[in-house]
């Protein structure tokens, strides 16, 4: 009996010791504190290295101590961020700020990302702000902050615009999970999903996140299943809608067979309009019958005598919404001032998903009764936006008539892009952008400059980096050339036996067409479709190179290319293409 009692006491002691170790507080391993003795007041960017990790403070700032703020600021963002990653899996951060004198911190955000550009964000946290206190930011359950970068973003307003005022950043302490002191495995006790219900359109996707409990469980492996793969499939948490219906997505732990489920409802995909979009005016029922158009709060149509400006905007908040298939360019709206007493406006908004909208530009409507005005945007739309919303603010009633939305094209720093358009486009009035049709000639693709292109045509575009708006035209008789594509859906590489696809690629000094063998070509991009695969790559030649236009000792201006289509900065002796002509440099 005494031996049994002794064994029981020893076991209890061991359990208590183990529990004490498992409940140990997280371990502090890194402290970010402003270094003293270095004063770079009002420096644009200030770098400092703490234990091998470089931090940067943007905006007007000083290193003794670090301060967020400046002069005459109103809702301005300032950021402190790591330029190198912290290797440990941070469990929490304690941030201490000094007193904020004559400055309001509207918000502050802690962003955690896996890359130095903060494009792949794993966590975005918005703690409440209190000066002269320490705020604790905990790693969310199920998140991994190993080898991550950290950014503290402050949105501040200076109350006294005539003086420099700052918020003092005092210290940030980083902690990692405490060592449990035991190598014994930790059993799984359950699993949960971030969503229990989900609505998707056909072909839509969304990622479900599974959290295995406890957070320090030794085996966090899970399996995903769908109750009906004809409706929705799942792979590593990514749910893909296949067809209209309902399905249940279930995640099950490898250990213990714990499970959690999400009910998925799949709807028909919403309609969208193919850009460029043109509506010539008329009644609202004709307008809303167009692909991708919805309205909210509009009054009954104005009388026929107001044609084509018959859609009635008569209350603040009335709007027209258009879902597009591609990048948005310029938006043009014609209106008639049915009343002329007070000024009205239409705010043009944009969205990537049709849920969260941001302002692009507010267009003012003012004048006398029955005035007809042409409104158009001058600000650029984001390349990822696919929704436009035209929101009315009432002064007097307004009739809306013709609406057009031009196609937007983005040229990167490479200077080139391809485009496959389902409608005819006019490039003649687009400054800084040149369009070319293409024809194969042996192992060379010859480009011909065109001012407009027909529908269902592929072109090569050349221009300075930026976003361009391309207007539509009714028809074009320009020869299409040999570039092809798909305007609304991606094209799989080598989808056809015996066919090779060639896409435009940068060579460093120019461009050429290179073969591709896997993945897919994005919708709206143009490519060459060639029988067989004998050509390693097609060089690009600009303009007619059949004869020499002139001989010169020096080329003074113009874009200069060698006969393989490569851009040349300083030509030596030889033949070159300049402004579409063959030039001999002596």
Protein backbone atom coordinates (compact mmCIF):
# COMPACT_ATOMS: atom_id res chain seq x y z
CA UNK A 1 0.00 0.00 0.00
CA UNK A 2 2.83 2.39 0.90
CA UNK A 3 4.58 1.61 -2.42
CA UNK A 4 1.37 2.33 -4.35
CA UNK A 5 0.88 5.62 -2.49
CA UNK A 6 4.49 6.62 -3.19
CA UNK A 7 4.09 5.84 -6.90
CA UNK A 8 0.89 7.89 -7.04
CA UNK A 9 2.58 10.88 -5.40
CA UNK A 10 5.53 10.69 -7.77
CA UNK A 11 3.19 10.53 -10.76
CA UNK A 12 1.25 13.57 -9.55
CA UNK A 13 4.52 15.47 -9.06
CA UNK A 14 5.60 14.59 -12.58
CA UNK A 15 2.27 15.74 -13.99
CA UNK A 16 2.44 19.02 -12.09
CA UNK A 17 5.98 19.59 -13.28
CA UNK A 18 4.99 18.86 -16.87
CA UNK A 19 1.96 21.16 -16.66
CA UNK A 20 4.06 23.94 -15.22
CA UNK A 21 6.49 23.64 -18.09
CA UNK A 22 3.73 23.53 -20.72
CA UNK A 23 2.10 26.65 -19.28
CA UNK A 24 5.30 28.67 -19.26
CA UNK A 25 4.99 32.19 -20.61
CA UNK A 26 6.17 32.90 -24.13
CA UNK A 27 9.85 33.69 -24.45
CA UNK A 28 11.03 37.20 -25.41
CA UNK A 29 13.81 36.95 -27.98
CA UNK A 30 13.99 40.32 -29.78
CA UNK A 31 13.50 43.95 -28.78
CA UNK A 32 13.22 46.80 -31.27
CA UNK A 33 14.27 50.00 -29.50
CA UNK A 34 15.28 53.29 -31.16
CA UNK A 35 19.02 53.72 -30.96
CA UNK A 36 20.29 56.84 -29.26
CA UNK A 37 23.08 59.11 -30.40
CA UNK A 38 22.01 59.24 -34.05
CA UNK A 39 19.82 62.14 -35.16
CA UNK A 40 18.54 62.25 -38.72
CA UNK A 41 15.67 64.66 -38.21
CA UNK A 42 13.23 65.00 -41.12
CA UNK A 43 15.00 62.32 -43.14
CA UNK A 44 12.80 60.85 -45.84
CA UNK A 45 13.73 57.28 -44.98
CA UNK A 46 15.68 56.14 -41.95
CA UNK A 47 17.27 52.70 -41.78
CA UNK A 48 18.53 51.17 -38.57
CA UNK A 49 19.90 47.71 -37.87
CA UNK A 50 18.93 45.93 -34.64
CA UNK A 51 20.55 42.54 -34.10
CA UNK A 52 20.91 41.96 -37.84
CA UNK A 53 17.34 43.00 -38.75
CA UNK A 54 17.01 46.24 -40.72
CA UNK A 55 14.03 48.50 -39.99
CA UNK A 56 12.85 51.45 -42.04
CA UNK A 57 10.72 54.43 -40.99
CA UNK A 58 9.04 56.27 -43.87
CA UNK A 59 8.04 59.92 -43.98
CA UNK A 60 9.35 62.83 -41.92
CA UNK A 61 11.05 61.21 -38.98
CA UNK A 62 13.91 61.17 -36.52
CA UNK A 63 15.85 58.32 -34.98
CA UNK A 64 16.08 59.81 -31.46
CA UNK A 65 13.45 58.64 -30.74
CA UNK A 66 11.52 57.27 -33.70
CA UNK A 67 8.53 59.47 -34.29
CA UNK A 68 5.52 59.11 -36.58
CA UNK A 69 4.10 62.36 -37.83
CA UNK A 70 5.21 65.59 -39.46
CA UNK A 71 3.67 68.91 -40.42
CA UNK A 72 0.23 69.67 -41.92
CA UNK A 73 -0.84 66.03 -42.05
CA UNK A 74 -4.46 64.96 -42.42
CA UNK A 75 -5.31 61.26 -42.66
CA UNK A 76 -1.78 60.46 -43.85
CA UNK A 77 -0.16 57.03 -43.53
CA UNK A 78 3.31 56.60 -42.02
CA UNK A 79 4.93 53.19 -41.69
CA UNK A 80 7.67 51.44 -39.73
CA UNK A 81 8.60 48.12 -41.28
CA UNK A 82 11.27 45.41 -41.29
CA UNK A 83 13.31 45.14 -44.48
CA UNK A 84 14.63 41.73 -43.43
CA UNK A 85 12.64 38.79 -42.10
CA UNK A 86 12.46 37.62 -38.48
CA UNK A 87 13.18 33.90 -38.65
CA UNK A 88 11.35 32.79 -35.49
CA UNK A 89 7.64 32.00 -35.40
CA UNK A 90 6.55 35.07 -33.46
CA UNK A 91 3.75 34.32 -31.01
CA UNK A 92 3.02 37.89 -29.89
CA UNK A 93 4.33 41.46 -30.09
CA UNK A 94 4.18 44.06 -27.35
CA UNK A 95 4.29 47.61 -28.74
CA UNK A 96 4.80 50.66 -26.54
CA UNK A 97 4.15 54.23 -27.70
CA UNK A 98 5.00 57.49 -26.02
CA UNK A 99 2.61 60.38 -25.57
CA UNK A 100 1.02 61.70 -28.78
CA UNK A 101 1.16 65.49 -28.48
CA UNK A 102 -1.21 67.51 -30.68
CA UNK A 103 -1.57 64.56 -33.05
CA UNK A 104 -4.48 62.16 -33.61
CA UNK A 105 -3.82 58.53 -34.52
CA UNK A 106 -6.88 57.66 -36.60
CA UNK A 107 -5.86 54.02 -36.82
CA UNK A 108 -2.84 51.78 -36.70
CA UNK A 109 -2.40 48.42 -38.36
CA UNK A 110 0.06 45.58 -37.90
CA UNK A 111 0.75 43.73 -41.17
CA UNK A 112 2.62 40.43 -41.36
CA UNK A 113 3.80 39.16 -44.76
CA UNK A 114 6.14 36.55 -46.19
CA UNK A 115 7.87 38.96 -48.59
CA UNK A 116 9.66 42.27 -48.25
CA UNK A 117 7.18 43.98 -50.63
CA UNK A 118 4.26 43.01 -48.34
CA UNK A 119 2.27 41.57 -51.22
CA UNK A 120 1.82 38.08 -49.73
CA UNK A 121 0.11 39.08 -46.47
CA UNK A 122 -0.60 36.35 -43.91
CA UNK A 123 -2.10 38.57 -41.17
CA UNK A 124 -3.56 42.08 -40.91
CA UNK A 125 -4.44 43.20 -37.38
CA UNK A 126 -5.95 46.54 -36.27
CA UNK A 127 -5.46 46.98 -32.51
CA UNK A 128 -7.10 49.82 -30.62
CA UNK A 129 -4.68 52.69 -30.00
CA UNK A 130 -3.80 54.23 -26.64
CA UNK A 131 -0.73 56.40 -26.17
CA UNK A 132 1.74 55.78 -23.32
CA UNK A 133 0.57 52.17 -22.96
CA UNK A 134 1.74 48.79 -24.15
CA UNK A 135 -0.47 46.96 -26.65
CA UNK A 136 -0.22 43.18 -27.10
CA UNK A 137 -0.71 41.76 -30.59
CA UNK A 138 -1.18 37.98 -30.57
CA UNK A 139 -0.58 35.69 -33.54
CA UNK A 140 -4.03 34.51 -34.72
CA UNK A 141 -4.84 30.85 -34.28
CA UNK A 142 -3.77 28.72 -37.20
CA UNK A 143 -1.33 31.33 -38.57
CA UNK A 144 2.39 30.74 -39.06
CA UNK A 145 4.62 33.80 -38.64
CA UNK A 146 7.91 32.00 -39.29
CA UNK A 147 10.35 33.98 -41.51
CA UNK A 148 7.95 36.91 -41.82
CA UNK A 149 8.27 40.66 -42.28
CA UNK A 150 6.44 43.13 -40.02
CA UNK A 151 4.95 46.54 -40.77
CA UNK A 152 3.32 49.03 -38.37
CA UNK A 153 1.16 51.47 -40.36
CA UNK A 154 -0.16 54.63 -38.68
CA UNK A 155 -2.83 56.92 -40.11
CA UNK A 156 -2.31 60.28 -38.41
CA UNK A 157 -3.69 63.81 -38.37
CA UNK A 158 -1.80 66.80 -36.98
CA UNK A 159 -4.22 69.10 -35.17
CA UNK A 160 -1.95 72.16 -35.33
CA UNK A 161 -1.10 72.49 -39.02
CA UNK A 162 1.63 75.07 -38.40
CA UNK A 163 3.91 72.90 -36.27
CA UNK A 164 5.61 69.56 -36.54
CA UNK A 165 3.98 67.11 -34.13
CA UNK A 166 4.78 63.45 -33.67
CA UNK A 167 3.73 60.23 -32.08
CA UNK A 168 6.69 58.59 -30.36
CA UNK A 169 7.37 54.91 -31.13
CA UNK A 170 9.16 53.67 -28.01
CA UNK A 171 9.65 49.91 -28.22
CA UNK A 172 8.45 46.62 -29.68
CA UNK A 173 9.13 43.29 -27.99
CA UNK A 174 8.81 40.08 -29.98
CA UNK A 175 8.03 36.74 -28.34
CA UNK A 176 8.02 33.14 -29.53
CA UNK A 177 6.22 30.10 -28.13
CA UNK A 178 7.82 28.87 -24.93
CA UNK A 179 9.52 25.49 -25.01
CA UNK A 180 7.26 22.97 -23.31
CA UNK A 181 10.30 21.25 -21.89
CA UNK A 182 9.00 17.90 -23.11
CA UNK A 183 9.40 15.96 -26.34
CA UNK A 184 6.16 14.02 -25.71
CA UNK A 185 3.62 14.41 -28.54
CA UNK A 186 0.64 16.71 -27.96
CA UNK A 187 -2.66 15.06 -28.85
CA UNK A 188 -5.21 16.63 -31.23
CA UNK A 189 -8.44 17.66 -29.50
CA UNK A 190 -10.46 19.10 -32.40
CA UNK A 191 -10.59 21.12 -35.62
CA UNK A 192 -12.56 24.15 -36.80
CA UNK A 193 -13.11 26.06 -40.05
CA UNK A 194 -13.04 29.81 -40.59
CA UNK A 195 -16.45 29.55 -42.36
CA UNK A 196 -19.42 27.24 -41.85
CA UNK A 197 -21.30 28.41 -44.96
CA UNK A 198 -20.17 29.71 -48.31
CA UNK A 199 -21.81 31.05 -51.48
CA UNK A 200 -19.99 30.89 -54.80
CA UNK A 201 -20.72 31.48 -58.45
CA UNK A 202 -19.96 28.75 -60.97
CA UNK A 203 -16.18 28.65 -61.57
CA UNK A 204 -15.61 30.77 -58.46
CA UNK A 205 -13.08 29.77 -55.79
CA UNK A 206 -12.49 30.48 -52.13
CA UNK A 207 -10.00 29.15 -49.60
CA UNK A 208 -11.17 27.62 -46.32
CA UNK A 209 -8.76 27.65 -43.38
CA UNK A 210 -8.69 24.73 -40.94
CA UNK A 211 -7.40 25.28 -37.38
CA UNK A 212 -6.31 22.18 -35.49
CA UNK A 213 -6.56 22.33 -31.69
CA UNK A 214 -4.59 22.76 -29.59
CA UNK A 215 -2.27 25.22 -31.29
CA UNK A 216 0.77 23.12 -30.29
CA UNK A 217 -0.67 19.80 -31.44
CA UNK A 218 2.06 17.56 -32.75
CA UNK A 219 0.12 16.28 -35.76
CA UNK A 220 -1.75 19.01 -37.67
CA UNK A 221 -2.39 16.96 -40.79
CA UNK A 222 -5.91 17.12 -42.26
CA UNK A 223 -7.86 15.68 -45.20
CA UNK A 224 -10.47 17.51 -47.29
CA UNK A 225 -13.55 15.98 -48.94
CA UNK A 226 -16.65 17.16 -50.81
CA UNK A 227 -20.03 15.50 -50.52
CA UNK A 228 -20.71 16.20 -54.22
CA UNK A 229 -17.77 16.87 -56.51
CA UNK A 230 -20.16 17.56 -59.39
CA UNK A 231 -21.15 20.73 -57.49
CA UNK A 232 -17.93 21.73 -55.69
CA UNK A 233 -14.45 20.30 -55.37
CA UNK A 234 -11.82 20.96 -52.71
CA UNK A 235 -8.03 20.64 -52.67
CA UNK A 236 -5.91 21.79 -49.71
CA UNK A 237 -8.80 23.98 -48.58
CA UNK A 238 -9.37 25.67 -51.96
CA UNK A 239 -13.04 25.22 -52.88
CA UNK A 240 -13.95 25.43 -56.57
CA UNK A 241 -17.56 25.80 -57.70
CA UNK A 242 -18.39 23.41 -60.57
CA UNK A 243 -22.15 23.58 -61.11
CA UNK A 244 -25.33 24.98 -59.53
CA UNK A 245 -26.35 23.11 -56.36
CA UNK A 246 -25.23 22.48 -52.78
CA UNK A 247 -22.38 20.47 -51.31
CA UNK A 248 -20.74 20.01 -47.93
CA UNK A 249 -17.00 20.48 -47.59
CA UNK A 250 -15.53 18.51 -44.67
CA UNK A 251 -12.07 18.65 -43.12
CA UNK A 252 -10.94 15.71 -40.97
CA UNK A 253 -7.83 15.47 -38.80
CA UNK A 254 -5.30 12.73 -39.48
CA UNK A 255 -5.20 12.06 -35.74
CA UNK A 256 -8.43 11.44 -33.84
CA UNK A 257 -10.79 11.79 -36.84
CA UNK A 258 -12.10 15.13 -35.60
CA UNK A 259 -14.05 16.98 -38.32
CA UNK A 260 -15.65 20.30 -39.22
CA UNK A 261 -17.90 21.17 -42.17
CA UNK A 262 -18.86 24.08 -44.42
CA UNK A 263 -22.07 24.15 -46.47
CA UNK A 264 -21.47 25.45 -49.99
CA UNK A 265 -24.17 26.91 -52.23
CA UNK A 266 -23.26 27.38 -55.89
CA UNK A 267 -25.18 29.90 -58.03
CA UNK A 268 -25.13 30.68 -61.72
CA UNK A 269 -22.30 33.04 -62.63
CA UNK A 270 -23.39 36.66 -62.94
CA UNK A 271 -23.50 38.23 -66.38
CA UNK A 272 -20.77 40.64 -67.41
CA UNK A 273 -20.31 43.07 -70.24
CA UNK A 274 -17.44 42.82 -72.69
CA UNK A 275 -15.41 46.01 -72.89
CA UNK A 276 -15.57 48.42 -74.59
CA UNK A 277 -19.19 48.97 -73.52
CA UNK A 278 -21.48 51.35 -75.42
CA UNK A 279 -25.10 52.22 -74.67
CA UNK A 280 -26.72 54.90 -76.81
CA UNK A 281 -29.39 55.94 -74.34
CA UNK A 282 -33.06 55.12 -73.88
CA UNK A 283 -35.29 53.57 -71.23
CA UNK A 284 -34.06 51.74 -68.14
CA UNK A 285 -35.61 48.37 -69.06
CA UNK A 286 -33.60 48.31 -72.29
CA UNK A 287 -30.51 49.31 -70.33
CA UNK A 288 -30.86 46.68 -67.62
CA UNK A 289 -31.43 43.96 -70.24
CA UNK A 290 -27.79 44.38 -71.25
CA UNK A 291 -25.19 41.94 -69.91
CA UNK A 292 -23.72 42.83 -66.55
CA UNK A 293 -25.94 45.83 -65.73
CA UNK A 294 -27.82 46.38 -62.46
CA UNK A 295 -29.49 49.50 -61.02
CA UNK A 296 -30.67 50.68 -57.63
CA UNK A 297 -33.34 53.24 -56.66
CA UNK A 298 -33.95 54.82 -60.05
CA UNK A 299 -37.23 56.59 -60.67
CA UNK A 300 -39.57 55.87 -63.60
CA UNK A 301 -38.20 56.81 -67.02
CA UNK A 302 -38.51 60.37 -68.25
CA UNK A 303 -40.91 61.06 -71.12
CA UNK A 304 -39.93 60.28 -74.71
CA UNK A 305 -39.35 63.97 -75.33
CA UNK A 306 -36.20 63.73 -73.19
CA UNK A 307 -34.69 60.94 -75.32
CA UNK A 308 -32.05 59.65 -75.21
CA UNK A 309 -31.62 60.96 -71.61
CA UNK A 310 -34.52 59.02 -70.10
CA UNK A 311 -33.06 57.10 -67.11
CA UNK A 312 -34.16 59.10 -64.07
CA UNK A 313 -31.76 59.88 -61.22
CA UNK A 314 -34.03 61.49 -58.63
CA UNK A 315 -32.63 60.52 -55.19
CA UNK A 316 -29.21 60.65 -53.56
CA UNK A 317 -27.76 57.16 -53.56
CA UNK A 318 -29.38 56.03 -56.82
CA UNK A 319 -26.81 54.14 -58.85
CA UNK A 320 -26.03 52.20 -62.00
CA UNK A 321 -23.57 49.30 -61.78
CA UNK A 322 -21.74 47.55 -64.61
CA UNK A 323 -19.75 44.34 -64.28
CA UNK A 324 -16.95 44.11 -66.85
CA UNK A 325 -14.88 41.31 -68.32
CA UNK A 326 -11.54 43.13 -68.32
CA UNK A 327 -9.59 46.16 -67.17
CA UNK A 328 -11.54 49.41 -67.18
CA UNK A 329 -10.42 52.49 -69.11
CA UNK A 330 -12.25 55.81 -69.40
CA UNK A 331 -15.95 56.09 -68.45
CA UNK A 332 -18.12 58.60 -70.36
CA UNK A 333 -21.66 59.62 -69.30
CA UNK A 334 -24.03 62.06 -71.05
CA UNK A 335 -26.72 63.68 -68.89
CA UNK A 336 -29.57 66.18 -69.20
CA UNK A 337 -30.37 68.58 -66.36
CA UNK A 338 -34.10 68.06 -66.01
CA UNK A 339 -33.97 70.58 -63.18
CA UNK A 340 -31.39 73.35 -63.16
CA UNK A 341 -31.67 74.94 -59.75
CA UNK A 342 -28.92 73.13 -57.85
CA UNK A 343 -25.74 71.26 -58.85
CA UNK A 344 -25.69 67.47 -58.68
CA UNK A 345 -22.88 64.98 -59.10
CA UNK A 346 -22.14 61.40 -60.10
CA UNK A 347 -19.35 59.63 -58.22
CA UNK A 348 -17.66 56.92 -60.24
CA UNK A 349 -16.60 54.02 -58.02
CA UNK A 350 -14.65 50.82 -58.69
CA UNK A 351 -14.48 47.35 -57.15
CA UNK A 352 -12.67 44.07 -57.70
CA UNK A 353 -15.50 41.89 -56.37
CA UNK A 354 -18.69 43.97 -56.55
CA UNK A 355 -18.85 44.24 -52.75
CA UNK A 356 -16.31 46.81 -51.57
CA UNK A 357 -16.22 49.98 -53.69
CA UNK A 358 -13.75 52.86 -53.63
CA UNK A 359 -14.06 56.28 -55.28
CA UNK A 360 -12.35 56.93 -58.61
CA UNK A 361 -13.67 60.40 -59.38
CA UNK A 362 -16.66 62.69 -58.73
CA UNK A 363 -18.14 64.33 -61.82
CA UNK A 364 -20.03 67.59 -61.26
CA UNK A 365 -23.36 68.34 -62.95
CA UNK A 366 -24.22 72.04 -62.97
CA UNK A 367 -25.90 74.53 -65.30
CA UNK A 368 -29.38 75.62 -66.22
CA UNK A 369 -32.49 73.56 -66.82
CA UNK A 370 -32.38 71.28 -69.90
CA UNK A 371 -28.63 71.69 -70.32
CA UNK A 372 -26.97 68.59 -71.79
CA UNK A 373 -23.53 67.74 -70.40
CA UNK A 374 -20.86 65.23 -71.36
CA UNK A 375 -19.00 63.83 -68.36
CA UNK A 376 -15.93 61.63 -68.47
CA UNK A 377 -13.32 60.32 -66.05
CA UNK A 378 -9.68 61.36 -66.19
CA UNK A 379 -8.41 59.33 -63.23
CA UNK A 380 -7.09 55.80 -63.79
CA UNK A 381 -8.85 52.64 -62.62
CA UNK A 382 -7.02 49.86 -60.82
CA UNK A 383 -5.95 47.08 -63.18
CA UNK A 384 -7.82 44.50 -61.05
CA UNK A 385 -11.15 46.36 -60.91
CA UNK A 386 -14.02 44.70 -62.77
CA UNK A 387 -17.03 46.67 -61.46
CA UNK A 388 -18.10 50.28 -62.04
CA UNK A 389 -20.77 51.98 -59.94
CA UNK A 390 -22.17 55.43 -60.87
CA UNK A 391 -23.63 56.89 -57.65
CA UNK A 392 -25.86 59.98 -57.81
CA UNK A 393 -25.86 62.86 -55.32
CA UNK A 394 -28.94 65.00 -55.88
CA UNK A 395 -29.12 68.73 -56.33
CA UNK A 396 -31.78 68.58 -59.04
CA UNK A 397 -33.16 65.65 -61.03
CA UNK A 398 -30.97 64.35 -63.85
CA UNK A 399 -31.68 62.21 -66.91
CA UNK A 400 -28.89 59.85 -67.90
CA UNK A 401 -28.38 58.94 -71.52
CA UNK A 402 -25.48 57.45 -73.47
CA UNK A 403 -22.84 55.63 -71.37
CA UNK A 404 -19.58 54.19 -72.68
CA UNK A 405 -16.77 52.37 -70.91
CA UNK A 406 -13.49 52.09 -72.76
CA UNK A 407 -11.14 49.15 -72.43
CA UNK A 408 -8.11 49.69 -70.22
CA UNK A 409 -4.68 48.39 -71.19
CA UNK A 410 -1.63 48.34 -68.90
CA UNK A 411 1.88 48.47 -70.33
CA UNK A 412 4.59 47.46 -67.84
CA UNK A 413 8.14 48.77 -67.69
CA UNK A 414 9.05 46.18 -70.36
CA UNK A 415 7.32 48.48 -72.87
CA UNK A 416 5.33 45.77 -74.67
CA UNK A 417 2.13 43.76 -74.31
CA UNK A 418 -0.24 41.70 -76.43
CA UNK A 419 -4.01 42.09 -76.73
CA UNK A 420 -6.77 39.95 -78.21
CA UNK A 421 -9.92 42.04 -78.63
CA UNK A 422 -13.46 40.77 -79.32
CA UNK A 423 -14.52 44.22 -80.59
CA UNK A 424 -13.03 46.70 -83.06
CA UNK A 425 -10.72 49.26 -81.40
CA UNK A 426 -9.36 52.65 -82.43
CA UNK A 427 -5.75 53.41 -81.45
CA UNK A 428 -5.37 56.54 -83.58
CA UNK A 429 -6.08 58.98 -80.74
CA UNK A 430 -4.28 57.10 -77.95
CA UNK A 431 -1.10 59.05 -77.23
CA UNK A 432 2.01 57.04 -76.41
CA UNK A 433 0.66 53.66 -77.52
CA UNK A 434 1.26 51.89 -80.84
CA UNK A 435 -0.56 48.79 -82.11
CA UNK A 436 0.85 46.25 -84.57
CA UNK A 437 -0.64 43.28 -86.39
CA UNK A 438 1.73 40.35 -86.95
CA UNK A 439 2.52 37.92 -89.77
CA UNK A 440 5.07 35.06 -89.74
CA UNK A 441 7.84 35.21 -92.38
CA UNK A 442 10.18 32.25 -91.97
CA UNK A 443 11.59 32.48 -88.45
CA UNK A 444 10.69 36.19 -88.17
CA UNK A 445 7.39 37.78 -87.09
CA UNK A 446 6.90 41.00 -89.03
CA UNK A 447 4.86 43.70 -87.30
CA UNK A 448 2.78 46.24 -89.19
CA UNK A 449 1.64 49.40 -87.41
CA UNK A 450 -2.13 49.94 -87.53
CA UNK A 451 -4.39 52.74 -86.34
CA UNK A 452 -7.39 50.49 -85.73
CA UNK A 453 -8.08 46.77 -85.55
CA UNK A 454 -11.11 44.59 -86.33
CA UNK A 455 -13.00 42.48 -83.81
CA UNK A 456 -11.47 39.14 -82.83
CA UNK A 457 -7.94 40.27 -83.59
CA UNK A 458 -4.60 39.91 -81.82
CA UNK A 459 -2.09 42.78 -81.75
CA UNK A 460 1.27 43.65 -80.23
CA UNK A 461 1.28 46.91 -78.26
CA UNK A 462 4.29 49.16 -77.64
CA UNK A 463 4.37 52.14 -75.29
CA UNK A 464 5.68 53.72 -72.14
CA UNK A 465 4.68 52.12 -68.84
CA UNK A 466 1.17 53.18 -67.87
CA UNK A 467 -2.54 52.53 -68.32
CA UNK A 468 -4.28 53.45 -71.57
CA UNK A 469 -7.96 53.74 -72.51
CA UNK A 470 -8.88 52.29 -75.90
CA UNK A 471 -12.21 53.39 -77.48
CA UNK A 472 -14.35 51.06 -79.57
CA UNK A 473 -15.39 51.66 -83.17
CA UNK A 474 -18.15 50.09 -85.25
CA UNK A 475 -15.98 48.27 -87.81
CA UNK A 476 -12.44 48.11 -89.19
CA UNK A 477 -11.13 46.83 -92.53
CA UNK A 478 -7.55 46.38 -91.30
CA UNK A 479 -6.03 42.97 -92.11
CA UNK A 480 -6.10 40.84 -88.93
CA UNK A 481 -2.66 39.24 -89.19
CA UNK A 482 -1.89 35.88 -87.57
CA UNK A 483 -2.11 36.51 -83.81
CA UNK A 484 -5.00 34.76 -82.09
CA UNK A 485 -6.35 34.38 -78.54
CA UNK A 486 -9.43 34.14 -76.35
CA UNK A 487 -11.07 37.31 -75.05
CA UNK A 488 -12.94 35.85 -72.08
CA UNK A 489 -11.24 32.63 -70.96
CA UNK A 490 -7.64 31.43 -70.53
CA UNK A 491 -6.13 29.15 -73.16
CA UNK A 492 -4.31 25.99 -72.08
CA UNK A 493 -0.87 25.51 -73.60
CA UNK A 494 -0.69 22.74 -76.20
CA UNK A 495 -4.42 22.06 -75.96
CA UNK A 496 -4.31 20.70 -79.52
CA UNK A 497 -2.09 17.86 -80.72
CA UNK A 498 0.66 18.96 -83.09
CA UNK A 499 0.19 22.67 -82.28
CA UNK A 500 2.77 24.91 -80.58
CA UNK A 501 1.85 28.21 -78.96
CA UNK A 502 4.33 31.10 -79.01
CA UNK A 503 3.97 34.08 -76.64
CA UNK A 504 5.67 37.47 -76.62
CA UNK A 505 8.70 37.57 -74.31
CA UNK A 506 11.32 40.16 -73.44
CA UNK A 507 14.91 39.56 -74.56
CA UNK A 508 16.37 42.37 -72.46
CA UNK A 509 16.94 44.57 -75.52
CA UNK A 510 13.66 43.88 -77.30
CA UNK A 511 11.06 41.16 -77.73
CA UNK A 512 10.58 37.83 -79.49
CA UNK A 513 7.98 35.06 -79.63
CA UNK A 514 8.96 32.00 -77.60
CA UNK A 515 7.23 28.59 -77.34
CA UNK A 516 5.40 27.60 -74.15
CA UNK A 517 4.60 24.08 -72.98
CA UNK A 518 2.65 24.25 -69.72
CA UNK A 519 0.13 26.35 -67.81
CA UNK A 520 -2.23 28.68 -69.62
CA UNK A 521 -2.36 31.97 -71.52
CA UNK A 522 -4.49 34.60 -69.80
CA UNK A 523 -7.75 35.77 -71.31
CA UNK A 524 -7.31 38.82 -73.52
CA UNK A 525 -3.70 37.99 -74.43
CA UNK A 526 -2.63 37.28 -78.03
CA UNK A 527 -0.28 34.53 -79.19
CA UNK A 528 0.93 32.66 -82.28
CA UNK A 529 -0.57 29.27 -83.01
CA UNK A 530 1.86 27.26 -85.14
CA UNK A 531 1.60 23.75 -86.57
CA UNK A 532 4.63 21.76 -85.44
CA UNK A 533 7.44 22.93 -83.15
CA UNK A 534 10.50 23.33 -85.39
CA UNK A 535 11.21 27.02 -84.67
CA UNK A 536 13.05 27.65 -81.40
CA UNK A 537 11.80 31.26 -81.30
CA UNK A 538 10.57 33.94 -83.67
CA UNK A 539 12.48 37.21 -83.76
CA UNK A 540 10.42 40.36 -84.24
CA UNK A 541 10.88 42.85 -87.06
CA UNK A 542 9.11 46.21 -87.06
CA UNK A 543 7.80 47.63 -90.31
CA UNK A 544 8.71 46.87 -93.94
CA UNK A 545 12.31 45.67 -94.14
CA UNK A 546 12.38 44.76 -97.83
CA UNK A 547 14.40 47.81 -98.93
CA UNK A 548 16.74 50.47 -97.53
CA UNK A 549 15.01 53.81 -97.21
CA UNK A 550 18.17 55.88 -96.69
CA UNK A 551 21.80 55.80 -95.59
CA UNK A 552 22.90 58.01 -92.69
CA UNK A 553 26.02 58.49 -90.61
CA UNK A 554 24.07 58.85 -87.37
CA UNK A 555 20.52 58.26 -86.14
CA UNK A 556 19.30 61.36 -84.32
CA UNK A 557 15.87 60.29 -83.07
CA UNK A 558 13.31 57.54 -83.07
CA UNK A 559 13.02 53.98 -81.77
CA UNK A 560 15.91 51.97 -83.23
CA UNK A 561 15.80 48.18 -83.79
CA UNK A 562 18.17 45.70 -85.35
CA UNK A 563 16.89 43.32 -88.03
CA UNK A 564 15.94 40.76 -85.36
CA UNK A 565 13.60 43.26 -83.72
CA UNK A 566 15.85 44.02 -80.73
CA UNK A 567 15.85 47.59 -79.42
CA UNK A 568 19.22 49.34 -79.88
CA UNK A 569 20.41 52.34 -77.86
CA UNK A 570 23.66 53.22 -79.70
CA UNK A 571 23.73 51.85 -83.27
CA UNK A 572 27.07 51.19 -84.95
CA UNK A 573 27.53 50.51 -88.67
CA UNK A 574 24.90 48.29 -90.24
CA UNK A 575 21.20 47.99 -91.01
CA UNK A 576 18.52 49.09 -88.55
CA UNK A 577 14.79 49.75 -88.44
CA UNK A 578 13.88 53.32 -87.42
CA UNK A 579 10.25 54.45 -87.34
CA UNK A 580 9.27 51.52 -89.56
CA UNK A 581 11.97 52.23 -92.20
CA UNK A 582 15.13 50.33 -93.05
CA UNK A 583 18.13 52.61 -92.42
CA UNK A 584 21.80 51.97 -93.17
CA UNK A 585 24.18 53.54 -90.66
CA UNK A 586 27.51 54.29 -92.40
